[in-house]
N, C-alpha and C. Protein backbone atom coordinates (compact mmCIF):
# COMPACT_ATOMS: atom_id res chain seq x y z
N MET A 1 131.84 73.82 105.98
CA MET A 1 130.81 72.60 105.98
C MET A 1 129.46 73.27 106.25
N ASN A 2 128.71 72.53 105.74
CA ASN A 2 127.24 72.94 105.55
C ASN A 2 126.63 72.36 106.74
N VAL A 3 126.17 73.13 107.87
CA VAL A 3 125.64 72.39 108.92
C VAL A 3 123.92 72.17 108.75
N LEU A 4 123.28 72.81 107.82
CA LEU A 4 122.08 72.55 107.27
C LEU A 4 121.79 71.20 106.64
N LYS A 5 120.77 70.55 106.82
CA LYS A 5 120.40 69.28 106.23
C LYS A 5 119.17 69.54 105.49
N LYS A 6 119.38 68.95 104.15
CA LYS A 6 118.40 69.27 103.28
C LYS A 6 116.99 68.48 103.68
N VAL A 7 117.41 67.39 104.19
CA VAL A 7 116.11 66.36 104.46
C VAL A 7 115.34 66.98 105.56
N SER A 8 116.13 67.41 106.79
CA SER A 8 115.50 67.94 107.91
C SER A 8 114.76 69.37 107.51
N VAL A 9 115.11 70.21 106.59
CA VAL A 9 114.41 71.48 106.32
C VAL A 9 113.20 71.05 105.36
N SER A 10 113.41 70.17 104.61
CA SER A 10 112.29 69.82 103.77
C SER A 10 111.13 69.15 104.34
N ARG A 11 111.29 68.56 105.48
CA ARG A 11 110.11 67.80 105.98
C ARG A 11 109.26 68.84 106.57
N PHE A 12 109.66 70.24 106.94
CA PHE A 12 108.63 71.29 107.43
C PHE A 12 108.25 72.28 106.47
N VAL A 13 108.60 72.07 105.19
CA VAL A 13 108.09 72.94 104.06
C VAL A 13 107.12 72.21 103.30
N PRO A 14 105.74 72.76 102.93
CA PRO A 14 104.60 71.97 102.41
C PRO A 14 104.82 71.89 100.98
N HIS A 15 104.60 70.60 100.34
CA HIS A 15 104.61 70.45 98.91
C HIS A 15 103.67 70.98 98.12
N PHE A 16 102.57 71.35 98.86
CA PHE A 16 101.34 72.10 97.98
C PHE A 16 101.64 73.49 98.00
N ARG A 17 100.83 74.27 97.00
CA ARG A 17 101.18 75.83 96.78
C ARG A 17 99.80 76.50 96.87
N TRP A 18 99.85 77.07 98.07
CA TRP A 18 98.74 78.00 98.40
C TRP A 18 98.86 79.32 97.86
N LYS A 19 98.00 79.81 96.94
CA LYS A 19 98.36 81.18 96.23
C LYS A 19 97.41 82.30 97.02
N HIS A 20 97.63 83.59 97.09
CA HIS A 20 97.19 84.71 97.62
C HIS A 20 96.40 85.18 96.33
N THR A 21 95.37 85.62 96.53
CA THR A 21 94.53 86.22 95.30
C THR A 21 93.98 87.73 95.75
N LEU A 22 93.80 88.38 94.73
CA LEU A 22 93.21 89.56 94.60
C LEU A 22 91.67 89.73 94.95
N PRO A 23 91.59 90.16 96.31
CA PRO A 23 90.13 90.20 96.63
C PRO A 23 89.26 91.16 95.77
N GLU A 24 88.01 90.56 95.71
CA GLU A 24 87.14 91.59 95.11
C GLU A 24 86.62 92.69 95.92
N LEU A 25 86.45 93.79 95.17
CA LEU A 25 85.82 95.11 95.80
C LEU A 25 84.36 94.81 96.13
N PRO A 26 84.09 95.29 97.53
CA PRO A 26 82.62 95.11 97.92
C PRO A 26 81.79 96.34 97.37
N TYR A 27 82.33 96.74 96.04
CA TYR A 27 81.38 97.85 95.49
C TYR A 27 82.07 98.06 94.16
N GLU A 28 81.37 98.82 93.10
CA GLU A 28 81.84 98.95 91.97
C GLU A 28 82.95 100.21 92.03
N TYR A 29 83.69 99.91 90.88
CA TYR A 29 84.95 100.83 90.78
C TYR A 29 84.42 102.34 90.68
N SER A 30 83.19 102.42 90.22
CA SER A 30 82.40 104.00 90.18
C SER A 30 81.94 104.47 91.23
N ALA A 31 81.74 103.43 92.40
CA ALA A 31 80.96 103.60 93.63
C ALA A 31 81.29 105.07 94.45
N LEU A 32 82.58 105.14 94.44
CA LEU A 32 83.37 106.09 95.57
C LEU A 32 83.17 107.60 94.86
N GLU A 33 82.77 107.67 93.41
CA GLU A 33 82.77 108.95 92.91
C GLU A 33 81.76 109.73 93.68
N PRO A 34 82.07 111.18 93.67
CA PRO A 34 83.17 111.86 92.95
C PRO A 34 84.50 111.86 93.95
N THR A 35 84.44 111.42 95.07
CA THR A 35 85.55 111.27 95.99
C THR A 35 86.95 110.54 95.25
N ILE A 36 86.62 109.38 94.78
CA ILE A 36 87.85 108.51 94.22
C ILE A 36 86.95 108.48 92.70
N CYS A 37 87.62 108.67 91.54
CA CYS A 37 87.13 108.38 90.29
C CYS A 37 87.41 106.97 89.87
N ARG A 38 86.82 106.78 88.97
CA ARG A 38 86.80 105.14 88.54
C ARG A 38 88.09 104.81 88.06
N GLU A 39 89.18 105.67 87.30
CA GLU A 39 90.01 105.46 86.85
C GLU A 39 91.06 105.24 87.93
N ILE A 40 91.13 105.86 88.95
CA ILE A 40 92.13 105.82 89.99
C ILE A 40 91.67 104.22 90.68
N MET A 41 90.44 104.05 90.93
CA MET A 41 90.01 102.69 91.43
C MET A 41 90.66 101.63 90.57
N GLU A 42 90.33 101.47 89.48
CA GLU A 42 90.74 100.52 88.51
C GLU A 42 92.14 100.17 88.36
N LEU A 43 92.93 101.43 88.16
CA LEU A 43 94.47 101.23 88.36
C LEU A 43 95.17 100.67 89.62
N HIS A 44 94.38 101.16 90.84
CA HIS A 44 94.87 101.01 92.08
C HIS A 44 94.53 99.43 92.33
N HIS A 45 93.36 99.10 92.05
CA HIS A 45 93.13 97.57 92.32
C HIS A 45 93.58 96.48 91.34
N GLN A 46 93.35 96.92 89.85
CA GLN A 46 93.84 96.07 88.87
C GLN A 46 95.40 95.83 88.66
N LYS A 47 95.82 97.01 88.85
CA LYS A 47 97.34 97.00 88.44
C LYS A 47 98.17 97.14 89.64
N HIS A 48 98.08 98.00 90.67
CA HIS A 48 98.83 97.95 91.61
C HIS A 48 98.83 96.85 92.95
N HIS A 49 97.49 96.75 93.29
CA HIS A 49 97.17 95.71 94.14
C HIS A 49 97.44 94.34 93.59
N ALA A 50 96.86 93.93 92.36
CA ALA A 50 97.24 92.85 91.73
C ALA A 50 98.76 92.67 91.50
N GLY A 51 99.43 93.69 91.20
CA GLY A 51 101.03 93.47 91.16
C GLY A 51 101.57 92.92 92.35
N TYR A 52 101.20 93.60 93.59
CA TYR A 52 101.74 92.99 94.79
C TYR A 52 101.37 91.55 95.15
N VAL A 53 100.12 91.28 94.76
CA VAL A 53 99.67 89.86 95.07
C VAL A 53 100.61 88.85 94.18
N GLU A 54 100.75 89.23 93.00
CA GLU A 54 101.77 88.35 91.88
C GLU A 54 103.00 88.35 92.47
N ALA A 55 103.56 89.42 92.94
CA ALA A 55 104.96 89.15 93.23
C ALA A 55 105.12 88.68 94.72
N PHE A 56 104.22 88.68 95.44
CA PHE A 56 104.26 88.37 96.88
C PHE A 56 104.18 86.47 96.45
N ASN A 57 103.29 86.11 95.75
CA ASN A 57 103.22 84.80 95.32
C ASN A 57 104.72 84.10 94.79
N SER A 58 105.11 84.99 94.03
CA SER A 58 106.30 84.50 93.31
C SER A 58 107.66 84.40 94.58
N ALA A 59 107.47 85.34 95.42
CA ALA A 59 108.38 85.34 96.41
C ALA A 59 108.35 84.26 97.45
N GLU A 60 106.99 84.13 97.70
CA GLU A 60 106.93 82.87 98.41
C GLU A 60 107.36 81.44 98.11
N GLU A 61 107.08 81.12 96.58
CA GLU A 61 107.69 80.15 95.96
C GLU A 61 109.02 80.09 96.09
N GLN A 62 109.75 81.15 95.55
CA GLN A 62 111.20 81.33 95.89
C GLN A 62 111.79 80.93 97.28
N LEU A 63 110.78 81.59 98.34
CA LEU A 63 111.34 80.99 99.72
C LEU A 63 111.19 79.57 99.80
N ARG A 64 110.08 79.09 99.42
CA ARG A 64 110.03 77.53 99.57
C ARG A 64 110.97 76.72 98.98
N GLU A 65 111.42 76.99 97.91
CA GLU A 65 112.61 76.52 97.14
C GLU A 65 113.91 76.74 97.86
N ALA A 66 114.13 77.93 98.25
CA ALA A 66 115.31 78.34 99.15
C ALA A 66 115.62 77.59 100.31
N LEU A 67 114.19 77.40 100.98
CA LEU A 67 114.37 76.35 102.14
C LEU A 67 114.63 75.04 101.85
N VAL A 68 114.15 74.38 100.86
CA VAL A 68 113.96 73.17 100.45
C VAL A 68 115.75 72.92 100.19
N ASN A 69 116.09 73.60 99.42
CA ASN A 69 117.72 73.96 98.86
C ASN A 69 118.71 74.16 100.01
N CYS A 70 118.11 74.40 101.05
CA CYS A 70 119.02 74.79 101.91
C CYS A 70 119.90 76.29 101.62
N ASN A 71 119.23 77.16 101.18
CA ASN A 71 120.07 78.23 100.53
C ASN A 71 119.79 79.65 101.40
N PRO A 72 120.62 79.77 102.73
CA PRO A 72 120.23 80.85 103.48
C PRO A 72 120.34 82.25 102.84
N ASN A 73 121.33 82.46 102.10
CA ASN A 73 121.43 83.70 101.28
C ASN A 73 120.24 84.16 100.72
N LYS A 74 119.68 83.32 99.88
CA LYS A 74 118.46 83.52 99.22
C LYS A 74 117.33 83.85 100.18
N VAL A 75 117.37 83.04 101.32
CA VAL A 75 115.98 83.36 102.17
C VAL A 75 116.17 84.86 102.67
N ILE A 76 117.53 85.27 103.16
CA ILE A 76 117.65 86.58 103.55
C ILE A 76 117.35 87.60 102.55
N GLN A 77 117.74 87.28 101.41
CA GLN A 77 117.60 88.17 100.09
C GLN A 77 116.06 88.53 99.83
N LEU A 78 115.22 87.55 99.99
CA LEU A 78 113.92 87.56 99.88
C LEU A 78 113.14 88.43 100.92
N GLY A 79 113.71 88.76 102.15
CA GLY A 79 113.22 89.31 103.20
C GLY A 79 112.47 90.72 102.77
N ASN A 80 113.34 91.67 102.00
CA ASN A 80 112.57 92.72 101.76
C ASN A 80 111.57 92.70 100.77
N VAL A 81 111.59 91.69 99.84
CA VAL A 81 110.62 91.43 98.77
C VAL A 81 109.33 91.03 99.26
N LEU A 82 109.45 90.06 100.31
CA LEU A 82 108.13 89.46 101.07
C LEU A 82 107.44 90.81 101.85
N ARG A 83 108.34 91.44 102.44
CA ARG A 83 107.79 92.63 103.40
C ARG A 83 107.07 93.64 102.48
N PHE A 84 107.65 94.17 101.36
CA PHE A 84 107.15 94.94 100.41
C PHE A 84 105.86 94.55 99.75
N ASN A 85 106.03 93.35 99.21
CA ASN A 85 104.65 92.95 98.36
C ASN A 85 103.79 92.28 99.46
N GLY A 86 104.33 91.60 100.29
CA GLY A 86 103.13 91.06 101.53
C GLY A 86 102.30 92.30 101.95
N GLY A 87 103.30 92.96 102.48
CA GLY A 87 102.59 94.33 103.01
C GLY A 87 101.47 94.95 102.11
N GLY A 88 101.80 95.13 100.79
CA GLY A 88 100.96 95.81 99.98
C GLY A 88 99.81 95.03 99.62
N HIS A 89 99.91 93.69 99.78
CA HIS A 89 98.65 92.79 99.58
C HIS A 89 97.69 92.93 101.22
N ILE A 90 98.39 92.93 102.09
CA ILE A 90 97.91 93.10 103.42
C ILE A 90 97.19 94.44 103.55
N ASN A 91 97.84 95.56 103.35
CA ASN A 91 97.40 96.91 103.60
C ASN A 91 96.21 97.23 102.56
N HIS A 92 96.34 96.67 101.26
CA HIS A 92 95.24 97.35 100.35
C HIS A 92 94.13 96.31 100.80
N SER A 93 94.11 95.00 101.10
CA SER A 93 93.15 94.35 101.38
C SER A 93 92.19 94.99 102.53
N LEU A 94 92.93 95.57 103.46
CA LEU A 94 92.20 96.37 104.40
C LEU A 94 91.67 97.69 104.06
N PHE A 95 92.51 98.40 103.22
CA PHE A 95 91.97 99.60 102.42
C PHE A 95 90.77 99.33 101.99
N TRP A 96 90.61 98.65 101.08
CA TRP A 96 89.19 98.74 100.26
C TRP A 96 88.14 98.47 101.27
N GLU A 97 88.13 97.79 102.41
CA GLU A 97 87.17 97.45 103.34
C GLU A 97 86.90 98.80 104.08
N ASN A 98 87.86 99.48 104.32
CA ASN A 98 87.94 100.98 105.09
C ASN A 98 86.89 101.80 104.35
N LEU A 99 86.58 101.71 102.90
CA LEU A 99 85.88 102.65 102.35
C LEU A 99 84.44 102.32 101.81
N SER A 100 83.63 103.39 101.68
CA SER A 100 82.22 102.88 101.42
C SER A 100 81.53 104.11 100.88
N PRO A 101 80.70 103.69 99.67
CA PRO A 101 79.80 104.70 99.19
C PRO A 101 78.75 105.21 99.81
N HIS A 102 78.54 104.61 100.98
CA HIS A 102 77.48 105.16 102.00
C HIS A 102 77.79 105.95 103.14
N CYS A 103 76.88 106.65 103.53
CA CYS A 103 77.25 107.35 104.78
C CYS A 103 77.26 106.69 105.86
N THR A 104 78.28 106.61 106.86
CA THR A 104 78.27 105.84 107.96
C THR A 104 78.82 106.77 109.06
N ALA A 105 78.79 105.99 110.49
CA ALA A 105 79.00 106.89 111.71
C ALA A 105 79.77 105.88 112.41
N PRO A 106 80.55 106.20 113.24
CA PRO A 106 81.29 105.29 114.19
C PRO A 106 80.27 104.89 115.24
N SER A 107 80.36 103.63 115.96
CA SER A 107 79.48 103.29 116.81
C SER A 107 79.70 103.84 118.19
N LYS A 108 78.78 103.81 119.10
CA LYS A 108 78.56 104.53 120.29
C LYS A 108 80.21 104.03 121.16
N ALA A 109 80.26 102.89 120.89
CA ALA A 109 81.79 102.29 121.78
C ALA A 109 83.09 102.98 121.08
N LEU A 110 82.86 103.07 119.81
CA LEU A 110 84.15 103.52 119.00
C LEU A 110 84.28 105.00 119.24
N GLU A 111 83.23 105.52 119.09
CA GLU A 111 83.28 107.04 119.42
C GLU A 111 83.49 107.35 120.98
N SER A 112 83.12 106.77 121.77
CA SER A 112 83.77 106.84 123.07
C SER A 112 85.10 106.56 123.41
N GLY A 113 85.75 105.41 122.49
CA GLY A 113 86.86 105.03 122.70
C GLY A 113 87.89 106.31 122.21
N LEU A 114 87.49 106.65 121.01
CA LEU A 114 88.24 107.88 120.38
C LEU A 114 88.19 108.99 121.21
N LYS A 115 87.19 109.22 122.03
CA LYS A 115 87.14 110.37 123.08
C LYS A 115 88.06 110.21 124.31
N GLN A 116 88.20 108.92 124.63
CA GLN A 116 89.07 108.66 125.72
C GLN A 116 90.42 108.60 125.26
N ASN A 117 90.87 108.31 124.08
CA ASN A 117 92.08 108.20 123.66
C ASN A 117 92.57 109.39 122.91
N PHE A 118 91.82 110.30 122.33
CA PHE A 118 92.20 111.52 121.70
C PHE A 118 91.43 112.70 121.92
N TYR A 119 90.48 112.58 123.00
CA TYR A 119 89.92 113.86 123.59
C TYR A 119 88.51 114.10 122.78
N SER A 120 88.70 114.02 121.55
CA SER A 120 87.49 114.17 120.79
C SER A 120 87.70 113.55 119.28
N LYS A 121 86.59 113.49 118.45
CA LYS A 121 86.49 113.00 117.16
C LYS A 121 87.55 113.68 116.40
N GLU A 122 87.30 115.11 116.57
CA GLU A 122 87.94 116.18 115.62
C GLU A 122 89.32 116.27 116.08
N ASP A 123 89.61 116.10 117.44
CA ASP A 123 91.15 116.03 117.86
C ASP A 123 91.85 114.57 116.83
N PHE A 124 90.96 113.65 116.95
CA PHE A 124 91.49 112.44 116.39
C PHE A 124 91.71 112.61 114.74
N LYS A 125 90.59 113.14 114.34
CA LYS A 125 91.02 113.57 112.79
C LYS A 125 92.05 114.38 112.42
N GLN A 126 92.35 115.38 113.41
CA GLN A 126 93.42 116.44 113.08
C GLN A 126 94.70 115.61 113.12
N LEU A 127 94.84 114.93 114.10
CA LEU A 127 96.02 114.08 114.40
C LEU A 127 96.50 112.92 113.32
N MET A 128 95.46 112.43 112.54
CA MET A 128 95.39 111.53 111.62
C MET A 128 95.94 112.29 110.44
N ARG A 129 95.29 113.53 110.06
CA ARG A 129 95.66 114.41 109.12
C ARG A 129 97.05 114.73 109.05
N ASP A 130 97.37 115.36 110.41
CA ASP A 130 98.83 115.68 110.49
C ASP A 130 99.73 114.48 110.16
N THR A 131 99.43 113.29 110.67
CA THR A 131 100.31 112.15 110.54
C THR A 131 100.32 111.89 109.18
N ALA A 132 99.32 111.87 108.31
CA ALA A 132 99.34 111.54 107.07
C ALA A 132 100.18 112.35 106.21
N LEU A 133 100.03 113.85 106.45
CA LEU A 133 100.78 114.90 105.83
C LEU A 133 102.19 114.89 106.10
N SER A 134 102.60 114.27 107.12
CA SER A 134 103.97 114.20 107.67
C SER A 134 104.80 112.90 107.08
N VAL A 135 104.23 112.11 106.39
CA VAL A 135 105.01 110.85 105.74
C VAL A 135 105.70 111.33 104.52
N GLN A 136 106.86 111.37 104.64
CA GLN A 136 107.85 111.69 103.54
C GLN A 136 107.91 110.41 102.40
N GLY A 137 107.38 111.02 101.34
CA GLY A 137 107.13 110.09 100.13
C GLY A 137 106.13 109.29 100.21
N SER A 138 106.24 107.75 100.25
CA SER A 138 105.07 106.95 100.11
C SER A 138 104.80 106.31 101.42
N GLY A 139 103.69 105.73 101.85
CA GLY A 139 103.35 105.46 102.71
C GLY A 139 101.95 105.11 103.37
N TRP A 140 101.65 104.86 104.64
CA TRP A 140 100.40 104.71 105.10
C TRP A 140 100.36 105.57 106.60
N VAL A 141 98.97 105.94 106.75
CA VAL A 141 98.66 106.29 108.09
C VAL A 141 97.71 105.43 108.77
N TRP A 142 97.77 105.07 110.08
CA TRP A 142 96.93 104.03 110.53
C TRP A 142 96.37 104.57 112.00
N LEU A 143 95.13 103.80 112.20
CA LEU A 143 94.64 103.80 113.64
C LEU A 143 94.75 102.36 114.09
N GLY A 144 95.44 102.03 114.98
CA GLY A 144 95.68 100.77 115.50
C GLY A 144 95.23 100.63 117.10
N TRP A 145 95.20 99.27 117.15
CA TRP A 145 94.99 98.68 118.69
C TRP A 145 96.06 98.46 119.31
N HIS A 146 96.31 98.96 120.38
CA HIS A 146 97.59 98.66 121.35
C HIS A 146 97.09 97.59 122.52
N LYS A 147 97.42 96.31 122.18
CA LYS A 147 96.75 95.31 123.04
C LYS A 147 97.44 95.58 124.46
N PRO A 148 98.61 95.72 124.63
CA PRO A 148 99.04 95.80 126.37
C PRO A 148 98.50 96.75 126.93
N SER A 149 98.28 97.95 126.40
CA SER A 149 97.75 99.04 126.83
C SER A 149 96.13 99.29 126.79
N LYS A 150 95.77 98.49 125.92
CA LYS A 150 94.13 98.49 125.74
C LYS A 150 93.75 99.93 125.30
N THR A 151 94.45 100.53 124.43
CA THR A 151 94.31 101.64 123.98
C THR A 151 94.26 101.97 122.29
N MET A 152 94.18 102.94 121.91
CA MET A 152 94.16 103.13 120.28
C MET A 152 95.31 104.26 120.14
N LYS A 153 95.99 103.77 119.01
CA LYS A 153 97.29 104.78 118.57
C LYS A 153 97.19 104.90 117.33
N ILE A 154 97.97 106.13 117.26
CA ILE A 154 97.96 106.55 115.41
C ILE A 154 99.47 106.14 115.21
N ALA A 155 99.66 105.57 114.05
CA ALA A 155 100.99 105.43 113.66
C ALA A 155 101.18 105.66 111.92
N ALA A 156 102.37 105.75 111.70
CA ALA A 156 102.88 105.97 110.14
C ALA A 156 103.84 104.82 109.65
N CYS A 157 103.47 104.09 108.45
CA CYS A 157 104.59 103.06 108.22
C CYS A 157 104.77 103.78 106.88
N CYS A 158 106.03 103.50 106.52
CA CYS A 158 106.70 104.09 105.13
C CYS A 158 106.41 102.93 104.34
N ASN A 159 106.44 103.06 102.80
CA ASN A 159 106.31 102.24 101.81
C ASN A 159 105.17 101.48 101.96
N GLN A 160 105.12 100.01 102.03
CA GLN A 160 104.08 99.05 102.19
C GLN A 160 104.40 98.25 103.66
N ASP A 161 105.22 98.79 104.56
CA ASP A 161 105.39 98.09 105.75
C ASP A 161 103.83 98.00 106.33
N PRO A 162 103.59 96.60 106.71
CA PRO A 162 102.39 96.51 107.26
C PRO A 162 102.23 96.79 108.92
N LEU A 163 101.15 97.26 109.23
CA LEU A 163 101.17 97.91 110.52
C LEU A 163 101.58 96.69 111.74
N GLU A 164 100.87 95.56 111.73
CA GLU A 164 101.00 94.76 112.82
C GLU A 164 102.49 94.51 112.86
N ALA A 165 103.09 93.97 111.77
CA ALA A 165 104.45 93.28 111.70
C ALA A 165 105.45 94.16 111.97
N THR A 166 105.16 95.64 111.66
CA THR A 166 106.26 96.60 111.87
C THR A 166 106.02 97.38 113.35
N THR A 167 104.78 97.51 113.84
CA THR A 167 104.71 98.08 115.12
C THR A 167 104.06 97.22 116.22
N GLY A 168 103.35 96.13 116.01
CA GLY A 168 102.76 95.44 116.76
C GLY A 168 101.12 95.71 116.90
N LEU A 169 100.91 97.06 116.56
CA LEU A 169 99.55 97.50 116.48
C LEU A 169 98.56 96.66 115.68
N LEU A 170 97.44 96.47 116.02
CA LEU A 170 96.34 95.75 115.39
C LEU A 170 95.49 96.70 114.50
N PRO A 171 95.34 96.56 113.20
CA PRO A 171 94.64 97.75 112.28
C PRO A 171 93.34 97.67 112.64
N LEU A 172 92.83 98.95 112.81
CA LEU A 172 91.37 99.45 112.81
C LEU A 172 91.08 100.41 111.54
N LEU A 173 91.88 100.96 111.33
CA LEU A 173 91.68 102.13 110.16
C LEU A 173 93.01 102.28 109.20
N GLY A 174 93.23 102.05 108.07
CA GLY A 174 94.37 102.41 107.24
C GLY A 174 93.93 103.38 106.21
N ILE A 175 94.79 104.41 105.86
CA ILE A 175 94.74 105.45 104.68
C ILE A 175 96.21 105.27 103.81
N ASP A 176 95.89 105.00 102.78
CA ASP A 176 96.92 104.76 101.62
C ASP A 176 97.27 106.16 101.22
N VAL A 177 98.78 106.70 101.69
CA VAL A 177 98.92 108.05 101.09
C VAL A 177 100.16 108.06 99.96
N TRP A 178 100.15 106.82 99.27
CA TRP A 178 100.92 106.83 98.13
C TRP A 178 100.30 107.71 97.25
N GLU A 179 101.12 108.45 96.21
CA GLU A 179 100.53 109.15 95.17
C GLU A 179 99.82 108.47 94.14
N HIS A 180 99.81 107.27 94.04
CA HIS A 180 99.39 106.50 93.05
C HIS A 180 97.84 106.41 93.44
N ALA A 181 97.63 106.50 94.85
CA ALA A 181 96.26 106.54 95.45
C ALA A 181 95.28 107.75 95.07
N TYR A 182 96.03 108.95 94.65
CA TYR A 182 95.26 110.11 94.42
C TYR A 182 95.63 111.01 93.29
N TYR A 183 96.80 110.83 92.76
CA TYR A 183 97.65 111.76 91.79
C TYR A 183 96.67 112.13 90.73
N ILE A 184 96.18 111.30 90.19
CA ILE A 184 95.22 111.37 88.90
C ILE A 184 94.27 112.44 89.16
N GLN A 185 93.47 112.44 90.34
CA GLN A 185 92.58 113.48 90.74
C GLN A 185 92.98 114.48 91.37
N TYR A 186 93.86 114.45 92.47
CA TYR A 186 94.09 115.41 93.35
C TYR A 186 95.58 116.05 93.18
N LYS A 187 96.08 115.39 92.17
CA LYS A 187 97.61 115.97 91.75
C LYS A 187 98.35 115.61 93.18
N ASN A 188 99.26 116.75 93.65
CA ASN A 188 100.21 116.43 94.63
C ASN A 188 99.64 116.84 95.96
N ASP A 189 98.26 117.16 95.84
CA ASP A 189 97.51 117.84 97.25
C ASP A 189 97.11 116.82 98.05
N ARG A 190 98.13 116.16 98.58
CA ARG A 190 97.65 115.16 99.85
C ARG A 190 96.58 115.48 100.92
N ALA A 191 96.70 116.76 101.24
CA ALA A 191 95.83 117.27 102.25
C ALA A 191 94.22 117.27 101.66
N LYS A 192 94.10 117.72 100.47
CA LYS A 192 92.78 117.66 99.76
C LYS A 192 92.33 116.42 99.65
N TYR A 193 93.07 115.27 99.14
CA TYR A 193 92.89 113.86 99.12
C TYR A 193 92.29 113.38 100.40
N PHE A 194 93.11 113.61 101.75
CA PHE A 194 92.64 113.34 103.00
C PHE A 194 91.57 113.69 103.44
N ASP A 195 91.19 114.89 103.20
CA ASP A 195 89.95 115.38 103.62
C ASP A 195 88.83 114.93 102.90
N ALA A 196 88.88 114.83 101.56
CA ALA A 196 87.83 114.01 100.69
C ALA A 196 87.58 112.74 101.13
N LEU A 197 88.76 111.94 101.37
CA LEU A 197 88.73 110.50 101.71
C LEU A 197 87.94 110.47 103.03
N TRP A 198 88.05 111.23 103.96
CA TRP A 198 87.56 111.05 105.45
C TRP A 198 86.07 110.96 105.12
N GLU A 199 85.38 111.46 104.17
CA GLU A 199 84.14 111.63 104.02
C GLU A 199 83.46 110.09 103.46
N ILE A 200 84.32 109.24 102.96
CA ILE A 200 83.76 107.90 102.72
C ILE A 200 84.42 106.76 103.43
N ILE A 201 84.96 107.23 104.62
CA ILE A 201 85.42 106.18 105.54
C ILE A 201 83.93 105.03 105.86
N ASP A 202 84.41 103.74 105.94
CA ASP A 202 83.29 102.92 106.36
C ASP A 202 83.34 102.70 107.91
N TRP A 203 82.91 103.57 108.65
CA TRP A 203 82.84 103.44 110.33
C TRP A 203 82.20 102.30 110.60
N LYS A 204 81.26 101.60 109.88
CA LYS A 204 80.76 100.28 110.45
C LYS A 204 81.70 99.27 110.46
N VAL A 205 82.64 99.24 109.43
CA VAL A 205 83.97 98.37 109.17
C VAL A 205 84.93 98.79 110.52
N VAL A 206 85.21 99.86 110.78
CA VAL A 206 86.15 100.28 111.88
C VAL A 206 85.56 99.96 113.01
N SER A 207 84.43 100.20 113.50
CA SER A 207 83.68 100.08 114.55
C SER A 207 83.59 98.52 114.93
N ASN A 208 83.26 97.70 113.83
CA ASN A 208 83.24 96.18 114.11
C ASN A 208 84.56 95.56 114.67
N ARG A 209 85.71 96.19 113.86
CA ARG A 209 86.95 95.75 114.37
C ARG A 209 87.30 96.05 115.69
N TYR A 210 86.98 97.15 115.89
CA TYR A 210 87.18 97.65 117.20
C TYR A 210 86.38 97.00 118.26
N GLU A 211 85.31 96.81 118.20
CA GLU A 211 84.39 96.07 119.14
C GLU A 211 84.89 94.47 119.24
N LYS A 212 85.37 93.82 118.27
CA LYS A 212 85.74 92.58 118.19
C LYS A 212 87.03 92.49 118.97
N LEU A 213 88.05 93.54 118.95
CA LEU A 213 89.16 93.66 119.54
C LEU A 213 89.07 93.46 121.09
N ARG A 214 88.14 94.50 121.50
CA ARG A 214 87.79 94.88 122.76
C ARG A 214 87.19 93.47 123.48
N CYS A 215 86.24 92.92 122.75
CA CYS A 215 85.67 91.58 123.38
C CYS A 215 86.77 90.51 123.47
N LEU A 216 87.66 90.31 122.71
CA LEU A 216 88.92 89.45 122.82
C LEU A 216 89.62 89.68 123.91
N ILE A 217 89.77 91.00 124.28
CA ILE A 217 90.71 91.48 125.30
C ILE A 217 89.90 91.11 126.66
N GLU A 218 88.62 91.35 126.78
CA GLU A 218 87.76 91.34 127.77
C GLU A 218 87.69 89.95 128.34
N LYS A 219 87.54 88.99 127.11
CA LYS A 219 87.64 87.57 127.37
C LYS A 219 88.98 86.92 128.11
């Protein structure tokens, strides 16, 4: 006996279709050279990120249909697809904002926070680097805000698992360590890629995220 009722489920499923879209980059594809070449940026944005967006939209449409048709097996089946492609879209949207062709520095508030949590900016960088190099296969390394303790923490997520949904940490800085992010230029040398990428981090964006989260907590 099917205990689910189509009419009761469909009442809560919207009939309109809201689609995720590929965000435009805040700079030209060649703007991050020589650290990241134009070819990598074009492939990464136009092929990889665009692919996640397309697959995420498709999975959400299938989920809507599965809910309307009371198909719990299909809903469960879509879980990993939504996590992978939704995470890919979320992660990359944050990643592009983390990068800048201009030289930037952490705000005084962020620099003070890094010292409080990691002793020094140099120790923080080394821990991020070690975490990035320890990721087996594909994944991301993150600096996140831990709301309960009001502290910053470093975490690694495999594949395209999004930070907040996976760990509860709110993202401040994310670094893509999938090989497609660097292989054309750095081959399999992830350490060289990380060290080069560190020089084009947009610390203004990271600082703004940090200060907004601190303000929300203090209120």
